[in-house]
Amino acid sequence: MTASEILSLVEAELTRISNPSTVALIRGLLVPPRCEQRPWDYGEPNQTFPCFIVAEHPASNTAFAYCEHGFGPRCPWGLLWRSGEWLNMGMDSSWFTSLEDCVRDSFAWPD
C-alpha cells in the first residue's frame, strides 16, 4: 500500500465517526503515514509485517497503526509502542476493527 492509500483509509474511518469531538481528537493525533516493519511474534522466527503508523500520542509513547497482516484484515487498526523495548505488533487485545475503537482503548482517550 502507498501513503496516499493509507490516508484514504484514515479519511474513510473518520467519516464513519458521528461525534465531532472524537473526529477532532483523532485529527489532532494524525501524522504523515509511514511504514515500519514490526516483528510478528506468532509466526516464523524473525517474521515482520509492514505497519503504517497514522497517528501518535507522545505523552503515552503510543502509536496508531494500520496493518493488513497479522491480526488484520479482521482487526487492522493497532495500538503500538512508539519507542522502547516492545516494538513488536503486540497481542490481539491491542488490535481493533476500527480506528475509533483503537483510539478509545488508548491513553489518548479523555474518558
C-alpha atoms as a PDB file:
ATOM      1  CA  MET A   1       0.000   0.000   0.000  1.00  0.00           C
ATOM      2  CA  THR A   2       1.026   3.600  -0.514  1.00  0.00           C
ATOM      3  CA  ALA A   3       0.841   6.521   1.898  1.00  0.00           C
ATOM      4  CA  SER A   4      -1.987   8.061  -0.149  1.00  0.00           C
ATOM      5  CA  GLU A   5      -3.983   4.813   0.057  1.00  0.00           C
ATOM      6  CA  ILE A   6      -3.470   4.782   3.829  1.00  0.00           C
ATOM      7  CA  LEU A   7      -4.644   8.407   4.033  1.00  0.00           C
ATOM      8  CA  SER A   8      -7.793   7.414   2.152  1.00  0.00           C
ATOM      9  CA  LEU A   9      -8.427   4.604   4.657  1.00  0.00           C
ATOM     10  CA  VAL A  10      -7.993   7.024   7.561  1.00  0.00           C
ATOM     11  CA  GLU A  11     -10.408   9.510   5.976  1.00  0.00           C
ATOM     12  CA  ALA A  12     -12.935   6.717   5.414  1.00  0.00           C
ATOM     13  CA  GLU A  13     -12.645   5.774   9.089  1.00  0.00           C
ATOM     14  CA  LEU A  14     -13.183   9.395  10.140  1.00  0.00           C
ATOM     15  CA  THR A  15     -16.351   9.680   8.034  1.00  0.00           C
ATOM     16  CA  ARG A  16     -17.831   6.753   9.997  1.00  0.00           C
ATOM     17  CA  ILE A  17     -17.484   8.579  13.317  1.00  0.00           C
ATOM     18  CA  SER A  18     -20.585  10.535  14.293  1.00  0.00           C
ATOM     19  CA  ASN A  19     -19.133  12.500  17.224  1.00  0.00           C
ATOM     20  CA  PRO A  20     -17.301  15.653  16.025  1.00  0.00           C
ATOM     21  CA  SER A  21     -15.135  15.825  19.158  1.00  0.00           C
ATOM     22  CA  THR A  22     -13.892  12.281  18.529  1.00  0.00           C
ATOM     23  CA  VAL A  23     -13.013  13.208  14.958  1.00  0.00           C
ATOM     24  CA  ALA A  24     -11.203  16.327  16.214  1.00  0.00           C
ATOM     25  CA  LEU A  25      -9.259  14.274  18.774  1.00  0.00           C
ATOM     26  CA  ILE A  26      -8.110  11.775  16.148  1.00  0.00           C
ATOM     27  CA  ARG A  27      -7.253  14.520  13.644  1.00  0.00           C
ATOM     28  CA  GLY A  28      -5.069  16.098  16.324  1.00  0.00           C
ATOM     29  CA  LEU A  29      -3.095  12.852  16.644  1.00  0.00           C
ATOM     30  CA  LEU A  30      -2.561  12.218  12.922  1.00  0.00           C
ATOM     31  CA  VAL A  31       0.939  12.117  11.483  1.00  0.00           C
ATOM     32  CA  PRO A  32       2.068  11.620   7.894  1.00  0.00           C
ATOM     33  CA  PRO A  33       1.745   7.861   7.304  1.00  0.00           C
ATOM     34  CA  ARG A  34       4.990   5.944   7.482  1.00  0.00           C
ATOM     35  CA  CYS A  35       5.646   2.258   7.095  1.00  0.00           C
ATOM     36  CA  GLU A  36       7.506   0.388   9.838  1.00  0.00           C
ATOM     37  CA  GLN A  37       8.370  -3.282   9.705  1.00  0.00           C
ATOM     38  CA  ARG A  38       7.172  -4.623  13.059  1.00  0.00           C
ATOM     39  CA  PRO A  39       8.011  -8.068  14.467  1.00  0.00           C
ATOM     40  CA  TRP A  40       5.200 -10.622  14.489  1.00  0.00           C
ATOM     41  CA  ASP A  41       5.558 -12.983  17.454  1.00  0.00           C
ATOM     42  CA  TYR A  42       3.100 -15.630  16.266  1.00  0.00           C
ATOM     43  CA  GLY A  43       4.711 -16.801  13.027  1.00  0.00           C
ATOM     44  CA  GLU A  44       8.108 -17.763  11.738  1.00  0.00           C
ATOM     45  CA  PRO A  45      11.199 -16.605  13.668  1.00  0.00           C
ATOM     46  CA  ASN A  46      12.153 -13.019  12.786  1.00  0.00           C
ATOM     47  CA  GLN A  47       8.939 -12.527  10.785  1.00  0.00           C
ATOM     48  CA  THR A  48       7.849  -8.912  10.349  1.00  0.00           C
ATOM     49  CA  PHE A  49       4.890  -7.177   8.757  1.00  0.00           C
ATOM     50  CA  PRO A  50       4.518  -3.655   7.350  1.00  0.00           C
ATOM     51  CA  CYS A  51       2.567  -1.473   9.776  1.00  0.00           C
ATOM     52  CA  PHE A  52       1.591   2.028   8.697  1.00  0.00           C
ATOM     53  CA  ILE A  53       1.780   4.483  11.582  1.00  0.00           C
ATOM     54  CA  VAL A  54      -1.039   7.000  11.074  1.00  0.00           C
ATOM     55  CA  ALA A  55      -1.271   8.759  14.446  1.00  0.00           C
ATOM     56  CA  GLU A  56       0.754   9.191  17.624  1.00  0.00           C
ATOM     57  CA  HIS A  57       0.170  10.082  21.264  1.00  0.00           C
ATOM     58  CA  PRO A  58       3.640  11.110  22.517  1.00  0.00           C
ATOM     59  CA  ALA A  59       2.524  11.518  26.152  1.00  0.00           C
ATOM     60  CA  SER A  60       1.845   7.771  26.385  1.00  0.00           C
ATOM     61  CA  ASN A  61       4.544   6.726  23.890  1.00  0.00           C
ATOM     62  CA  THR A  62       1.897   5.067  21.716  1.00  0.00           C
ATOM     63  CA  ALA A  63       1.180   4.996  18.004  1.00  0.00           C
ATOM     64  CA  PHE A  64      -1.870   4.004  15.998  1.00  0.00           C
ATOM     65  CA  ALA A  65      -1.222   1.766  13.031  1.00  0.00           C
ATOM     66  CA  TYR A  66      -2.915   0.091  10.099  1.00  0.00           C
ATOM     67  CA  CYS A  67      -1.765  -3.374   9.066  1.00  0.00           C
ATOM     68  CA  GLU A  68      -3.369  -5.870   6.697  1.00  0.00           C
ATOM     69  CA  HIS A  69      -1.281  -8.716   8.105  1.00  0.00           C
ATOM     70  CA  GLY A  70      -1.124 -10.406  11.472  1.00  0.00           C
ATOM     71  CA  PHE A  71      -4.411  -9.590  13.195  1.00  0.00           C
ATOM     72  CA  GLY A  72      -5.686  -7.870  10.051  1.00  0.00           C
ATOM     73  CA  PRO A  73      -7.682  -7.891   7.916  1.00  0.00           C
ATOM     74  CA  ARG A  74     -10.266  -8.647  10.640  1.00  0.00           C
ATOM     75  CA  CYS A  75      -8.659  -6.179  13.084  1.00  0.00           C
ATOM     76  CA  PRO A  76      -6.338  -3.948  11.033  1.00  0.00           C
ATOM     77  CA  TRP A  77      -6.077  -0.984  13.462  1.00  0.00           C
ATOM     78  CA  GLY A  78      -3.437  -1.441  16.146  1.00  0.00           C
ATOM     79  CA  LEU A  79      -2.173   0.326  19.217  1.00  0.00           C
ATOM     80  CA  LEU A  80       1.625   0.068  19.312  1.00  0.00           C
ATOM     81  CA  TRP A  81       4.530   1.481  21.280  1.00  0.00           C
ATOM     82  CA  ARG A  82       6.360   4.331  19.524  1.00  0.00           C
ATOM     83  CA  SER A  83       9.750   3.533  21.009  1.00  0.00           C
ATOM     84  CA  GLY A  84      11.414   1.382  23.614  1.00  0.00           C
ATOM     85  CA  GLU A  85      11.787  -2.313  24.219  1.00  0.00           C
ATOM     86  CA  TRP A  86       8.388  -3.514  22.920  1.00  0.00           C
ATOM     87  CA  LEU A  87       8.312  -2.642  19.219  1.00  0.00           C
ATOM     88  CA  ASN A  88       6.537  -5.797  18.086  1.00  0.00           C
ATOM     89  CA  MET A  89       2.931  -5.938  16.912  1.00  0.00           C
ATOM     90  CA  GLY A  90       1.737  -6.950  20.352  1.00  0.00           C
ATOM     91  CA  MET A  91      -1.193  -9.120  21.323  1.00  0.00           C
ATOM     92  CA  ASP A  92      -4.644  -9.365  19.787  1.00  0.00           C
ATOM     93  CA  SER A  93      -6.066  -7.196  22.585  1.00  0.00           C
ATOM     94  CA  SER A  94      -4.369  -4.157  21.051  1.00  0.00           C
ATOM     95  CA  TRP A  95      -5.887  -4.606  17.553  1.00  0.00           C
ATOM     96  CA  PHE A  96      -9.315  -3.326  16.553  1.00  0.00           C
ATOM     97  CA  THR A  97     -11.834  -3.327  13.724  1.00  0.00           C
ATOM     98  CA  SER A  98     -11.899   0.490  13.557  1.00  0.00           C
ATOM     99  CA  LEU A  99      -9.563   3.405  14.153  1.00  0.00           C
ATOM    100  CA  GLU A 100     -12.135   4.879  16.525  1.00  0.00           C
ATOM    101  CA  ASP A 101     -12.136   1.762  18.740  1.00  0.00           C
ATOM    102  CA  CYS A 102      -8.344   1.774  18.725  1.00  0.00           C
ATOM    103  CA  VAL A 103      -8.214   5.383  19.955  1.00  0.00           C
ATOM    104  CA  ARG A 104     -10.973   4.776  22.520  1.00  0.00           C
ATOM    105  CA  ASP A 105      -8.871   1.994  24.074  1.00  0.00           C
ATOM    106  CA  SER A 106      -5.767   4.185  24.368  1.00  0.00           C
ATOM    107  CA  PHE A 107      -4.408   6.717  26.844  1.00  0.00           C
ATOM    108  CA  ALA A 108      -5.236   9.398  24.268  1.00  0.00           C
ATOM    109  CA  TRP A 109      -8.933   8.912  25.019  1.00  0.00           C
ATOM    110  CA  PRO A 110     -10.012  11.501  27.621  1.00  0.00           C
ATOM    111  CA  ASP A 111     -12.730   9.386  29.264  1.00  0.00           C
END
